[in-house]
Amino acid sequence: MTDLSEMNGNAMQTQQPVDAQHSGLDGRVFVWAALIAVSAAAAFVVARALTVRREPDPTSTRIQSLIDEANQLLRSLDEQKRN
């Protein structure tokens, strides 16, 4: 028969490798969780950058309106020449 101290010693020996495996598993889970979090953050930043619409520059808007006005004046001059 085994006495109680041997049984406790055997139980402790079998429990230590399980704890070592558990801590190694915790490390891997942490690494994967961190990798997933970083990937999600990167995807969010890229999606956000692609969907942000910039307001038109006031200068380019003014230039475009002047071009449109000039084209309208040219058309009206061409019509006057034909008549």
N, C-alpha and C. Protein backbone atom coordinates (compact mmCIF):
# COMPACT_ATOMS: atom_id res chain seq x y z
N MET A 1 0.83 -1.19 0.00
CA MET A 1 0.00 0.00 0.00
C MET A 1 0.87 1.25 0.00
N THR A 2 0.37 2.25 -0.61
CA THR A 2 1.11 3.51 -0.61
C THR A 2 0.54 4.40 0.47
N ASP A 3 1.42 5.12 1.06
CA ASP A 3 0.91 6.01 2.10
C ASP A 3 0.45 7.32 1.50
N LEU A 4 -0.12 8.14 2.31
CA LEU A 4 -0.75 9.37 1.86
C LEU A 4 0.27 10.35 1.29
N SER A 5 1.48 10.41 1.85
CA SER A 5 2.48 11.35 1.36
C SER A 5 2.93 10.99 -0.05
N GLU A 6 3.01 9.71 -0.38
CA GLU A 6 3.38 9.32 -1.73
C GLU A 6 2.28 9.67 -2.71
N MET A 7 1.03 9.52 -2.31
CA MET A 7 -0.08 9.85 -3.19
C MET A 7 -0.10 11.35 -3.49
N ASN A 8 0.17 12.15 -2.45
CA ASN A 8 0.21 13.59 -2.66
C ASN A 8 1.37 13.97 -3.56
N GLY A 9 2.51 13.32 -3.40
CA GLY A 9 3.67 13.59 -4.23
C GLY A 9 3.40 13.24 -5.68
N ASN A 10 2.75 12.11 -5.90
CA ASN A 10 2.41 11.70 -7.27
C ASN A 10 1.40 12.67 -7.89
N ALA A 11 0.46 13.10 -7.12
CA ALA A 11 -0.54 14.05 -7.63
C ALA A 11 0.12 15.36 -8.01
N MET A 12 1.09 15.82 -7.21
CA MET A 12 1.80 17.07 -7.50
C MET A 12 2.63 16.92 -8.76
N GLN A 13 3.25 15.74 -8.95
CA GLN A 13 4.09 15.53 -10.12
C GLN A 13 3.25 15.54 -11.40
N THR A 14 2.11 14.94 -11.38
CA THR A 14 1.27 14.92 -12.58
C THR A 14 0.63 16.28 -12.82
N GLN A 15 0.48 17.08 -11.78
CA GLN A 15 -0.16 18.36 -11.94
C GLN A 15 0.81 19.40 -12.51
N GLN A 16 2.07 19.32 -12.23
CA GLN A 16 3.02 20.31 -12.71
C GLN A 16 3.12 20.36 -14.23
N PRO A 17 3.24 19.23 -14.94
CA PRO A 17 3.28 19.33 -16.40
C PRO A 17 1.99 19.92 -16.98
N VAL A 18 0.87 19.65 -16.37
CA VAL A 18 -0.39 20.22 -16.85
C VAL A 18 -0.34 21.73 -16.68
N ASP A 19 0.19 22.22 -15.55
CA ASP A 19 0.32 23.66 -15.36
C ASP A 19 1.28 24.26 -16.37
N ALA A 20 2.38 23.55 -16.66
CA ALA A 20 3.33 24.05 -17.65
C ALA A 20 2.69 24.10 -19.03
N GLN A 21 1.91 23.09 -19.37
CA GLN A 21 1.22 23.11 -20.66
C GLN A 21 0.18 24.21 -20.68
N HIS A 22 -0.47 24.42 -19.56
CA HIS A 22 -1.51 25.45 -19.48
C HIS A 22 -0.90 26.83 -19.66
N SER A 23 0.25 27.10 -19.05
CA SER A 23 0.87 28.42 -19.20
C SER A 23 1.38 28.62 -20.63
N GLY A 24 1.89 27.55 -21.26
CA GLY A 24 2.30 27.65 -22.66
C GLY A 24 1.12 27.92 -23.56
N LEU A 25 0.01 27.30 -23.26
CA LEU A 25 -1.22 27.52 -24.02
C LEU A 25 -1.71 28.95 -23.83
N ASP A 26 -1.62 29.47 -22.61
CA ASP A 26 -2.01 30.85 -22.36
C ASP A 26 -1.17 31.81 -23.19
N GLY A 27 0.11 31.54 -23.31
CA GLY A 27 0.99 32.40 -24.11
C GLY A 27 0.59 32.40 -25.57
N ARG A 28 0.28 31.23 -26.10
CA ARG A 28 -0.12 31.13 -27.50
C ARG A 28 -1.46 31.82 -27.73
N VAL A 29 -2.37 31.66 -26.79
CA VAL A 29 -3.68 32.32 -26.91
C VAL A 29 -3.49 33.83 -26.90
N PHE A 30 -2.61 34.31 -26.03
CA PHE A 30 -2.35 35.75 -25.96
C PHE A 30 -1.76 36.26 -27.28
N VAL A 31 -0.83 35.51 -27.85
CA VAL A 31 -0.21 35.92 -29.12
C VAL A 31 -1.25 35.97 -30.23
N TRP A 32 -2.10 34.95 -30.32
CA TRP A 32 -3.13 34.94 -31.35
C TRP A 32 -4.15 36.06 -31.13
N ALA A 33 -4.52 36.29 -29.88
CA ALA A 33 -5.47 37.37 -29.59
C ALA A 33 -4.88 38.72 -29.97
N ALA A 34 -3.60 38.91 -29.67
CA ALA A 34 -2.94 40.17 -30.04
C ALA A 34 -2.86 40.31 -31.56
N LEU A 35 -2.55 39.23 -32.25
CA LEU A 35 -2.49 39.27 -33.71
C LEU A 35 -3.84 39.60 -34.32
N ILE A 36 -4.88 39.02 -33.80
CA ILE A 36 -6.23 39.30 -34.29
C ILE A 36 -6.61 40.75 -34.01
N ALA A 37 -6.26 41.24 -32.83
CA ALA A 37 -6.58 42.63 -32.48
C ALA A 37 -5.85 43.62 -33.39
N VAL A 38 -4.57 43.36 -33.65
CA VAL A 38 -3.79 44.24 -34.52
C VAL A 38 -4.34 44.20 -35.94
N SER A 39 -4.69 43.02 -36.41
CA SER A 39 -5.25 42.89 -37.76
C SER A 39 -6.58 43.63 -37.88
N ALA A 40 -7.41 43.51 -36.87
CA ALA A 40 -8.70 44.21 -36.89
C ALA A 40 -8.50 45.73 -36.87
N ALA A 41 -7.55 46.18 -36.08
CA ALA A 41 -7.28 47.62 -36.02
C ALA A 41 -6.75 48.12 -37.36
N ALA A 42 -5.87 47.36 -37.99
CA ALA A 42 -5.33 47.75 -39.29
C ALA A 42 -6.44 47.78 -40.34
N ALA A 43 -7.31 46.80 -40.32
CA ALA A 43 -8.42 46.76 -41.28
C ALA A 43 -9.35 47.96 -41.06
N PHE A 44 -9.59 48.31 -39.82
CA PHE A 44 -10.44 49.46 -39.51
C PHE A 44 -9.82 50.75 -40.04
N VAL A 45 -8.51 50.92 -39.83
CA VAL A 45 -7.83 52.14 -40.28
C VAL A 45 -7.86 52.24 -41.79
N VAL A 46 -7.61 51.13 -42.48
CA VAL A 46 -7.63 51.14 -43.95
C VAL A 46 -9.04 51.44 -44.46
N ALA A 47 -10.03 50.79 -43.89
CA ALA A 47 -11.42 51.03 -44.32
C ALA A 47 -11.82 52.48 -44.07
N ARG A 48 -11.42 53.00 -42.95
CA ARG A 48 -11.75 54.39 -42.62
C ARG A 48 -11.08 55.37 -43.59
N ALA A 49 -9.82 55.09 -43.93
CA ALA A 49 -9.10 55.97 -44.85
C ALA A 49 -9.71 55.92 -46.25
N LEU A 50 -10.22 54.78 -46.64
CA LEU A 50 -10.80 54.67 -47.97
C LEU A 50 -12.18 55.29 -48.07
N THR A 51 -12.90 55.37 -46.96
CA THR A 51 -14.26 55.89 -47.01
C THR A 51 -14.36 57.37 -46.70
N VAL A 52 -13.32 57.98 -46.21
CA VAL A 52 -13.37 59.41 -45.88
C VAL A 52 -13.37 60.22 -47.17
N ARG A 53 -14.37 61.02 -47.32
CA ARG A 53 -14.48 61.88 -48.49
C ARG A 53 -13.96 63.27 -48.14
N ARG A 54 -13.09 63.76 -48.98
CA ARG A 54 -12.56 65.11 -48.75
C ARG A 54 -13.49 66.12 -49.39
N GLU A 55 -13.63 67.24 -48.72
CA GLU A 55 -14.43 68.32 -49.27
C GLU A 55 -13.65 68.95 -50.42
N PRO A 56 -14.36 69.39 -51.45
CA PRO A 56 -13.64 70.01 -52.57
C PRO A 56 -12.93 71.28 -52.12
N ASP A 57 -11.79 71.48 -52.70
CA ASP A 57 -10.98 72.65 -52.41
C ASP A 57 -11.71 73.89 -52.95
N PRO A 58 -11.85 74.94 -52.14
CA PRO A 58 -12.56 76.14 -52.62
C PRO A 58 -11.92 76.74 -53.87
N THR A 59 -10.60 76.65 -53.96
CA THR A 59 -9.92 77.22 -55.12
C THR A 59 -10.27 76.44 -56.38
N SER A 60 -10.24 75.11 -56.29
CA SER A 60 -10.56 74.30 -57.47
C SER A 60 -12.03 74.45 -57.85
N THR A 61 -12.89 74.63 -56.85
CA THR A 61 -14.31 74.85 -57.14
C THR A 61 -14.49 76.17 -57.89
N ARG A 62 -13.79 77.20 -57.46
CA ARG A 62 -13.88 78.52 -58.12
C ARG A 62 -13.31 78.45 -59.53
N ILE A 63 -12.21 77.75 -59.71
CA ILE A 63 -11.61 77.62 -61.04
C ILE A 63 -12.58 76.90 -61.98
N GLN A 64 -13.22 75.83 -61.47
CA GLN A 64 -14.17 75.09 -62.31
C GLN A 64 -15.36 75.96 -62.70
N SER A 65 -15.82 76.80 -61.77
CA SER A 65 -16.95 77.68 -62.11
C SER A 65 -16.53 78.73 -63.15
N LEU A 66 -15.30 79.21 -63.07
CA LEU A 66 -14.81 80.17 -64.09
C LEU A 66 -14.69 79.50 -65.45
N ILE A 67 -14.22 78.25 -65.46
CA ILE A 67 -14.12 77.51 -66.73
C ILE A 67 -15.50 77.32 -67.33
N ASP A 68 -16.47 76.95 -66.49
CA ASP A 68 -17.84 76.77 -66.99
C ASP A 68 -18.40 78.07 -67.54
N GLU A 69 -18.14 79.17 -66.86
CA GLU A 69 -18.61 80.47 -67.33
C GLU A 69 -17.96 80.85 -68.66
N ALA A 70 -16.66 80.59 -68.78
CA ALA A 70 -15.96 80.89 -70.03
C ALA A 70 -16.51 80.04 -71.17
N ASN A 71 -16.77 78.78 -70.91
CA ASN A 71 -17.35 77.92 -71.95
C ASN A 71 -18.72 78.42 -72.38
N GLN A 72 -19.51 78.88 -71.43
CA GLN A 72 -20.84 79.41 -71.75
C GLN A 72 -20.71 80.67 -72.61
N LEU A 73 -19.75 81.54 -72.28
CA LEU A 73 -19.54 82.74 -73.08
C LEU A 73 -19.07 82.40 -74.49
N LEU A 74 -18.20 81.42 -74.62
CA LEU A 74 -17.73 81.00 -75.94
C LEU A 74 -18.88 80.45 -76.79
N ARG A 75 -19.75 79.68 -76.16
CA ARG A 75 -20.92 79.14 -76.89
C ARG A 75 -21.83 80.28 -77.36
N SER A 76 -22.04 81.25 -76.49
CA SER A 76 -22.92 82.35 -76.88
C SER A 76 -22.27 83.19 -78.00
N LEU A 77 -20.94 83.35 -77.99
CA LEU A 77 -20.26 84.07 -79.08
C LEU A 77 -20.37 83.31 -80.39
N ASP A 78 -20.21 81.98 -80.31
CA ASP A 78 -20.34 81.15 -81.52
C ASP A 78 -21.75 81.27 -82.10
N GLU A 79 -22.76 81.30 -81.27
CA GLU A 79 -24.14 81.44 -81.74
C GLU A 79 -24.37 82.81 -82.37
N GLN A 80 -23.75 83.85 -81.82
CA GLN A 80 -23.92 85.20 -82.38
C GLN A 80 -23.24 85.29 -83.75
N LYS A 81 -22.08 84.57 -83.91
CA LYS A 81 -21.39 84.60 -85.19
C LYS A 81 -22.21 83.92 -86.27
N ARG A 82 -22.93 82.88 -85.92
CA ARG A 82 -23.73 82.12 -86.88
C ARG A 82 -24.96 82.95 -87.31
N ASN A 83 -25.46 83.79 -86.47
CA ASN A 83 -26.67 84.57 -86.80
C ASN A 83 -26.30 85.79 -87.55
